[in-house]
Structures are given as C-alpha cells and as structure tokens.
C-alpha cells in the first residue's frame, strides 16, 4: 500500500462525481509529497510504525491540498503544478465544496491509523492546531494585500503560520505516533518551523527566478498580485528614495503592462542584490534547523535521511 492507494480508495468511483473528481484530480497529481515524507522520516527517526505513518502522512497531504484548492480561488491562480487549478477547470463553487470535503477526508485518515487512543488524540490535536494556524496565516496574507505598512517581522510570522507549522506538525505527528518523548516532540517541531520558513523563502525566490517550465507556475505571480513577499519588503528597506517610490507605485497598480512591471521590479531587485540577500536569510534558517536536529539525542546516522531531505528542499528547482 502507498499514498496513491489511500487517495484512490477515498475518491475513485464515488458519487456525486462533481464532488470527488476534482479531489482526485488534485491529490493524484505528481508532487513533492513533502508533508507525508516528513511524517515518515520522523517516524523512522523515532522507530515508529511505517504503516501508521503512511495514514498520518496521507492526512497531512490531504490537508495541504485542501488549502491549495481554496488558496487558488482567493488568489485567482489559473495554474498550479503546470495544470489548471480546480476552480478554473470546474468553478469556484465546486472548488469550495471539494476543498471542504477533502479537509474532512484528511481527518478520517487519522482514524484509519492503528495507534493507541492517547497517541491518536495527540495527533488529532496537532492536526487541528495546524489547520487553524494555516487559516490564521492565510488571513494575515489577505490582510497584507490592503496594508501599506507590512514589516519583515510580520511577514515572517505570516509564513510561519501559513507554511511552516504544516511541516512542523508533520514532524511532530511522526514523533507522537512513535512514542517519542515530549522533549523530542518539541525539538523536532522547532526543527520543522525553521525548515518551513526556509522552504517558503525558497518558494518566494522560485516565483521569480525559477525555470517556470519546471516550476509549473507563471513567472512573477507574486509581483502580478502585488504580494508583499520578503523580497519586496527587503527591497523597500534597502531602496533609495527614488526606488522606494517606484516600488510603492508598481505594487499599488493592477493595470498596465505586466511584462514592463515585472522588468522594472526585477531591475530594482538586481541593483539591490535582493536574491542573494534572501538566499542568505534562508540559509540561516536551514543552519538553525540542522543545529536543532543535532540536539536530539540519537545517533547521527539515524538523522541522515532528514538532513538529506532538508538540503534537497533548499536546492529544489520547483
């Protein structure tokens, strides 16, 4: 049994097809499967049951895809992973309902995992906590769209909630199902937070600097949508008065020639070496994460797979 078997058992041939086909369309797309992999690696680290980890990993992957379905509606994003988004392929109403169903199907997977009642309760607790915090992060992100005074500190808080807590929650769930100590559960969670922040900063960079045939999204969507990413906020801090004014003007506009806007923003970023600065910040979070991982009192050999995945996520191109 693998993740795809679990997903197909949850959707294939079920009625009404207008509800389940969009779910199957999303969860069966090839992806990085970062979240279930983190559950599995954490369970492996603490000698947990791999089958149990598979079900918990499926739950977090379903939760993640639920957030993507709804995010794409809010962002009016037409493409994800190189394919039409659910709301674009069907419509917004179907996307909302399919996302709602997928969130409930995710919770159901935790009930399918064979574990002690106390461990199941703790996994459900971190799962629900994660779900709520992701919603909080998304609301902060929406708030930023109409705010003229977003700080880097506020942005980091937002991505901690919107992205990092999901990765951290996967790791903690893997530790819980394995019977790891409370101290180790919190340590692996902290590792996940730093990893998740670095992961999102890398995503911010890829939006602009990736090979977008590989990345699967249109180049510069964050700029098109006037997203106040770390790149933009750092540029505002470092800009000359003239550049500061130009950036503010460009990010206040929804009209005009997008290619020209993209070119002008990128020129400012290049002159301020924004790409290199954000890469350095992301590297700092990775170093913190690896240092935290080392604090877990287990042989280094047991941590190698987690270290390898951490470095892979930093170097990814999509």
Protein backbone atom coordinates (compact mmCIF):
# COMPACT_ATOMS: atom_id res chain seq x y z
CA UNK A 1 0.00 0.00 0.00
CA UNK A 2 1.14 3.54 -0.77
CA UNK A 3 -0.24 7.07 -0.66
CA UNK A 4 -1.88 6.80 -4.06
CA UNK A 5 -3.75 3.64 -2.96
CA UNK A 6 -5.12 5.53 0.04
CA UNK A 7 -6.13 8.50 -2.11
CA UNK A 8 -7.84 6.39 -4.77
CA UNK A 9 -9.74 4.40 -2.12
CA UNK A 10 -11.07 7.73 -0.82
CA UNK A 11 -12.27 9.09 -4.17
CA UNK A 12 -12.39 6.68 -7.09
CA UNK A 13 -15.87 5.93 -8.39
CA UNK A 14 -17.59 7.80 -5.57
CA UNK A 15 -20.70 9.90 -6.10
CA UNK A 16 -21.51 12.65 -6.70
CA UNK A 17 -18.68 12.70 -9.20
CA UNK A 18 -18.75 16.51 -9.34
CA UNK A 19 -17.52 16.46 -5.71
CA UNK A 20 -14.98 13.64 -5.87
CA UNK A 21 -13.49 14.06 -9.36
CA UNK A 22 -11.89 17.43 -8.53
CA UNK A 23 -10.43 15.94 -5.34
CA UNK A 24 -8.97 13.00 -7.23
CA UNK A 25 -7.68 15.38 -9.92
CA UNK A 26 -5.70 17.29 -7.28
CA UNK A 27 -4.41 14.60 -4.96
CA UNK A 28 -3.34 12.23 -7.74
CA UNK A 29 -1.16 14.86 -9.45
CA UNK A 30 2.55 14.13 -9.10
CA UNK A 31 4.05 16.39 -6.47
CA UNK A 32 6.88 16.66 -4.00
CA UNK A 33 4.88 14.89 -1.24
CA UNK A 34 6.98 16.79 1.27
CA UNK A 35 4.49 16.51 4.12
CA UNK A 36 3.91 12.74 4.11
CA UNK A 37 7.63 12.25 3.63
CA UNK A 38 8.33 14.30 6.76
CA UNK A 39 5.85 12.21 8.78
CA UNK A 40 7.58 9.07 7.56
CA UNK A 41 11.09 10.37 8.25
CA UNK A 42 10.14 11.49 11.76
CA UNK A 43 8.56 8.11 12.48
CA UNK A 44 11.67 6.42 11.10
CA UNK A 45 13.87 8.59 13.33
CA UNK A 46 11.99 7.51 16.45
CA UNK A 47 11.36 3.88 15.37
CA UNK A 48 7.63 4.31 14.71
CA UNK A 49 5.28 2.11 12.69
CA UNK A 50 5.64 2.96 8.96
CA UNK A 51 2.07 1.93 8.09
CA UNK A 52 0.68 4.21 10.76
CA UNK A 53 2.93 6.98 9.46
CA UNK A 54 1.56 6.40 5.95
CA UNK A 55 -2.01 7.14 7.05
CA UNK A 56 -0.97 10.20 9.05
CA UNK A 57 1.11 11.40 6.10
CA UNK A 58 -1.92 10.97 3.84
CA UNK A 59 -3.96 13.09 6.27
CA UNK A 60 -1.48 15.97 6.15
CA UNK A 61 -1.12 15.73 2.36
CA UNK A 62 -4.90 15.93 2.00
CA UNK A 63 -5.00 18.90 4.37
CA UNK A 64 -2.28 20.61 2.35
CA UNK A 65 -4.15 20.09 -0.91
CA UNK A 66 -7.36 21.39 0.65
CA UNK A 67 -5.54 24.65 1.46
CA UNK A 68 -4.22 24.86 -2.11
CA UNK A 69 -7.68 24.45 -3.63
CA UNK A 70 -9.02 27.32 -1.54
CA UNK A 71 -5.88 29.47 -1.89
CA UNK A 72 -6.15 29.29 -5.67
CA UNK A 73 -9.70 30.66 -5.51
CA UNK A 74 -8.58 33.57 -3.31
CA UNK A 75 -5.51 34.26 -5.46
CA UNK A 76 -7.40 33.71 -8.73
CA UNK A 77 -4.50 31.46 -9.75
CA UNK A 78 -5.17 29.67 -13.05
CA UNK A 79 -2.23 27.24 -12.95
CA UNK A 80 -0.68 25.01 -10.29
CA UNK A 81 1.84 22.23 -10.93
CA UNK A 82 1.56 23.06 -14.62
CA UNK A 83 -2.18 22.26 -14.73
CA UNK A 84 -5.42 24.18 -14.42
CA UNK A 85 -6.49 24.81 -10.85
CA UNK A 86 -9.74 23.26 -9.63
CA UNK A 87 -11.74 26.48 -9.66
CA UNK A 88 -10.50 27.20 -13.20
CA UNK A 89 -11.20 23.71 -14.54
CA UNK A 90 -14.60 23.45 -12.87
CA UNK A 91 -15.80 26.57 -10.99
CA UNK A 92 -15.42 28.31 -7.62
CA UNK A 93 -18.46 26.68 -6.03
CA UNK A 94 -17.24 23.17 -6.83
CA UNK A 95 -13.73 24.10 -5.67
CA UNK A 96 -15.03 25.36 -2.32
CA UNK A 97 -17.14 22.27 -1.72
CA UNK A 98 -14.45 19.82 -2.86
CA UNK A 99 -11.93 21.55 -0.61
CA UNK A 100 -14.31 21.28 2.34
CA UNK A 101 -14.82 17.57 1.67
CA UNK A 102 -11.08 16.98 1.33
CA UNK A 103 -10.42 18.57 4.74
CA UNK A 104 -12.85 16.11 6.33
CA UNK A 105 -11.40 13.18 4.41
CA UNK A 106 -7.99 14.16 5.79
CA UNK A 107 -9.18 13.86 9.38
CA UNK A 108 -10.71 10.49 8.53
CA UNK A 109 -7.28 9.12 7.64
CA UNK A 110 -6.08 9.66 11.22
CA UNK A 111 -8.93 7.42 12.38
CA UNK A 112 -7.72 4.74 9.93
CA UNK A 113 -4.26 4.65 11.53
CA UNK A 114 -3.69 1.85 14.03
CA UNK A 115 -2.45 3.57 17.18
CA UNK A 116 -3.20 3.89 20.88
CA UNK A 117 -6.07 6.20 21.84
CA UNK A 118 -3.80 8.66 23.64
CA UNK A 119 -1.44 8.93 20.69
CA UNK A 120 -4.38 9.32 18.28
CA UNK A 121 -5.79 12.11 20.46
CA UNK A 122 -2.43 13.93 20.40
CA UNK A 123 -2.09 13.54 16.63
CA UNK A 124 -5.62 14.91 16.13
CA UNK A 125 -4.75 17.78 18.45
CA UNK A 126 -1.65 18.81 16.45
CA UNK A 127 -3.58 18.27 13.20
CA UNK A 128 -6.39 20.63 14.27
CA UNK A 129 -3.94 23.15 15.72
CA UNK A 130 -2.07 23.12 12.40
CA UNK A 131 -5.31 23.54 10.41
CA UNK A 132 -6.35 26.59 12.41
CA UNK A 133 -2.92 28.20 12.28
CA UNK A 134 -2.76 27.78 8.50
CA UNK A 135 -6.08 29.64 8.28
CA UNK A 136 -4.66 32.37 10.53
CA UNK A 137 -1.65 32.66 8.24
CA UNK A 138 -3.84 32.90 5.17
CA UNK A 139 -5.87 35.68 6.80
CA UNK A 140 -2.70 37.63 7.61
CA UNK A 141 -1.66 37.19 3.98
CA UNK A 142 -5.01 38.58 2.85
CA UNK A 143 -4.68 41.46 5.32
CA UNK A 144 -1.31 42.36 3.82
CA UNK A 145 -2.95 42.98 0.44
CA UNK A 146 -4.63 46.13 1.77
CA UNK A 147 -1.93 47.22 4.23
CA UNK A 148 0.72 49.79 3.40
CA UNK A 149 2.88 49.03 6.44
CA UNK A 150 3.88 45.35 6.47
CA UNK A 151 7.16 44.64 8.25
CA UNK A 152 9.61 41.80 7.68
CA UNK A 153 8.81 40.56 11.18
CA UNK A 154 5.09 40.46 10.34
CA UNK A 155 5.84 38.65 7.09
CA UNK A 156 7.87 36.00 8.92
CA UNK A 157 5.01 35.50 11.38
CA UNK A 158 2.64 35.02 8.46
CA UNK A 159 4.75 32.40 6.67
CA UNK A 160 5.40 30.63 9.97
CA UNK A 161 1.64 30.13 10.23
CA UNK A 162 0.77 29.64 6.58
CA UNK A 163 3.61 27.28 5.66
CA UNK A 164 6.00 26.32 8.45
CA UNK A 165 3.52 24.97 11.01
CA UNK A 166 2.35 22.37 8.48
CA UNK A 167 5.86 20.94 8.06
CA UNK A 168 6.46 21.14 11.81
CA UNK A 169 3.12 19.47 12.51
CA UNK A 170 4.00 16.57 10.20
CA UNK A 171 7.26 16.02 12.05
CA UNK A 172 5.65 16.23 15.47
CA UNK A 173 2.89 13.82 14.43
CA UNK A 174 5.55 11.33 13.32
CA UNK A 175 7.23 11.67 16.71
CA UNK A 176 3.93 11.26 18.58
CA UNK A 177 2.89 8.09 16.77
CA UNK A 178 6.35 6.69 17.52
CA UNK A 179 6.13 7.32 21.27
CA UNK A 180 8.94 9.89 21.31
CA UNK A 181 9.43 11.91 24.49
CA UNK A 182 7.65 15.25 24.90
CA UNK A 183 11.04 16.97 24.70
CA UNK A 184 11.90 15.30 21.41
CA UNK A 185 8.44 16.11 20.03
CA UNK A 186 9.02 19.80 20.71
CA UNK A 187 12.56 19.71 19.34
CA UNK A 188 11.51 18.10 16.07
CA UNK A 189 8.68 20.67 15.86
CA UNK A 190 11.16 23.53 16.23
CA UNK A 191 13.32 21.96 13.54
CA UNK A 192 10.24 21.92 11.30
CA UNK A 193 9.46 25.59 11.89
CA UNK A 194 12.90 26.72 10.75
CA UNK A 195 12.78 24.29 7.82
CA UNK A 196 9.34 25.58 6.85
CA UNK A 197 10.36 29.24 6.89
CA UNK A 198 13.37 28.45 4.71
CA UNK A 199 11.07 26.42 2.42
CA UNK A 200 8.74 29.39 1.93
CA UNK A 201 11.59 31.84 1.34
CA UNK A 202 12.85 29.47 -1.34
CA UNK A 203 9.34 29.48 -2.83
CA UNK A 204 9.38 33.29 -2.90
CA UNK A 205 12.65 33.16 -4.83
CA UNK A 206 11.44 30.46 -7.22
CA UNK A 207 8.39 32.54 -8.11
CA UNK A 208 10.75 34.99 -9.77
CA UNK A 209 13.97 33.13 -10.55
CA UNK A 210 12.93 29.54 -11.35
CA UNK A 211 12.75 27.87 -14.73
CA UNK A 212 8.99 28.26 -14.90
CA UNK A 213 8.52 25.34 -17.27
CA UNK A 214 9.88 23.24 -14.41
CA UNK A 215 8.30 25.25 -11.57
CA UNK A 216 4.81 24.83 -13.02
CA UNK A 217 3.64 28.39 -12.36
CA UNK A 218 3.69 31.62 -14.32
CA UNK A 219 6.79 33.72 -13.63
CA UNK A 220 6.33 36.65 -11.27
CA UNK A 221 2.84 35.80 -9.99
CA UNK A 222 3.71 37.39 -6.64
CA UNK A 223 4.57 40.63 -8.41
CA UNK A 224 1.48 40.45 -10.60
CA UNK A 225 -0.66 40.00 -7.47
CA UNK A 226 1.24 42.72 -5.56
CA UNK A 227 2.25 40.22 -2.86
CA UNK A 228 4.36 41.70 -0.12
CA UNK A 229 6.97 38.97 -0.01
CA UNK A 230 10.29 39.09 1.81
CA UNK A 231 11.91 40.14 -1.48
CA UNK A 232 9.67 43.19 -1.77
CA UNK A 233 9.95 44.13 1.92
CA UNK A 234 13.76 43.81 1.87
CA UNK A 235 13.90 45.91 -1.28
CA UNK A 236 11.85 48.64 0.39
CA UNK A 237 14.28 48.67 3.31
CA UNK A 238 17.34 48.91 1.06
CA UNK A 239 15.98 51.13 -1.69
CA UNK A 240 16.97 54.68 -2.47
CA UNK A 241 14.14 57.23 -2.10
CA UNK A 242 13.54 57.04 -5.86
CA UNK A 243 13.50 53.23 -5.91
CA UNK A 244 11.26 53.16 -2.83
CA UNK A 245 8.74 55.42 -4.53
CA UNK A 246 8.85 53.38 -7.75
CA UNK A 247 8.31 50.08 -5.92
CA UNK A 248 5.38 51.52 -3.98
CA UNK A 249 3.84 52.78 -7.22
CA UNK A 250 4.37 49.50 -9.06
CA UNK A 251 2.89 47.41 -6.24
CA UNK A 252 -0.14 49.69 -5.97
CA UNK A 253 -1.12 49.02 -9.58
CA UNK A 254 -3.30 46.27 -11.02
CA UNK A 255 -3.32 47.62 -14.54
CA UNK A 256 -0.86 48.31 -17.30
CA UNK A 257 1.74 46.16 -19.00
CA UNK A 258 2.68 43.28 -16.70
CA UNK A 259 5.90 42.46 -18.54
CA UNK A 260 7.06 46.05 -18.11
CA UNK A 261 6.13 45.98 -14.42
CA UNK A 262 8.00 42.71 -13.94
CA UNK A 263 11.06 44.05 -15.73
CA UNK A 264 11.15 47.23 -13.64
CA UNK A 265 10.75 45.38 -10.34
CA UNK A 266 13.43 42.84 -11.26
CA UNK A 267 15.81 45.63 -12.23
CA UNK A 268 15.43 47.18 -8.77
CA UNK A 269 15.87 43.80 -7.09
CA UNK A 270 19.00 43.13 -9.11
CA UNK A 271 20.54 46.50 -8.28
CA UNK A 272 19.93 45.85 -4.56
CA UNK A 273 21.14 42.20 -4.73
CA UNK A 274 17.84 41.06 -3.23
CA UNK A 275 18.15 37.48 -4.49
CA UNK A 276 21.48 36.97 -2.73
CA UNK A 277 20.20 38.58 0.48
CA UNK A 278 17.11 36.37 0.71
CA UNK A 279 19.17 33.27 -0.10
CA UNK A 280 21.40 34.17 2.85
CA UNK A 281 18.39 34.53 5.16
CA UNK A 282 17.02 31.15 4.03
CA UNK A 283 20.43 29.55 4.56
CA UNK A 284 20.43 30.92 8.11
CA UNK A 285 17.13 29.18 8.86
CA UNK A 286 18.47 25.93 7.42
CA UNK A 287 21.55 26.17 9.64
CA UNK A 288 19.29 26.72 12.66
CA UNK A 289 17.16 23.74 11.67
CA UNK A 290 20.13 21.40 11.32
CA UNK A 291 21.55 22.62 14.62
CA UNK A 292 18.22 21.85 16.31
CA UNK A 293 18.15 18.39 14.76
CA UNK A 294 21.58 17.69 16.20
CA UNK A 295 20.18 18.37 19.70
CA UNK A 296 18.06 15.22 19.53
CA UNK A 297 19.94 12.57 21.48
CA UNK A 298 20.08 9.89 18.80
CA UNK A 299 22.95 8.60 16.64
CA UNK A 300 23.85 10.88 13.73
CA UNK A 301 23.32 8.00 11.32
CA UNK A 302 19.60 7.97 12.18
CA UNK A 303 19.30 11.64 11.22
CA UNK A 304 20.92 11.35 7.80
CA UNK A 305 17.69 10.96 5.82
CA UNK A 306 16.16 14.05 7.43
CA UNK A 307 19.35 16.02 6.81
CA UNK A 308 19.39 14.90 3.18
CA UNK A 309 15.78 15.94 2.65
CA UNK A 310 16.43 19.30 4.30
CA UNK A 311 19.26 20.02 1.87
CA UNK A 312 17.19 18.79 -1.08
CA UNK A 313 14.40 21.22 -0.20
CA UNK A 314 16.93 24.08 -0.13
CA UNK A 315 18.29 23.23 -3.56
CA UNK A 316 15.00 22.42 -5.26
CA UNK A 317 14.02 23.97 -8.58
CA UNK A 318 10.25 23.50 -8.25
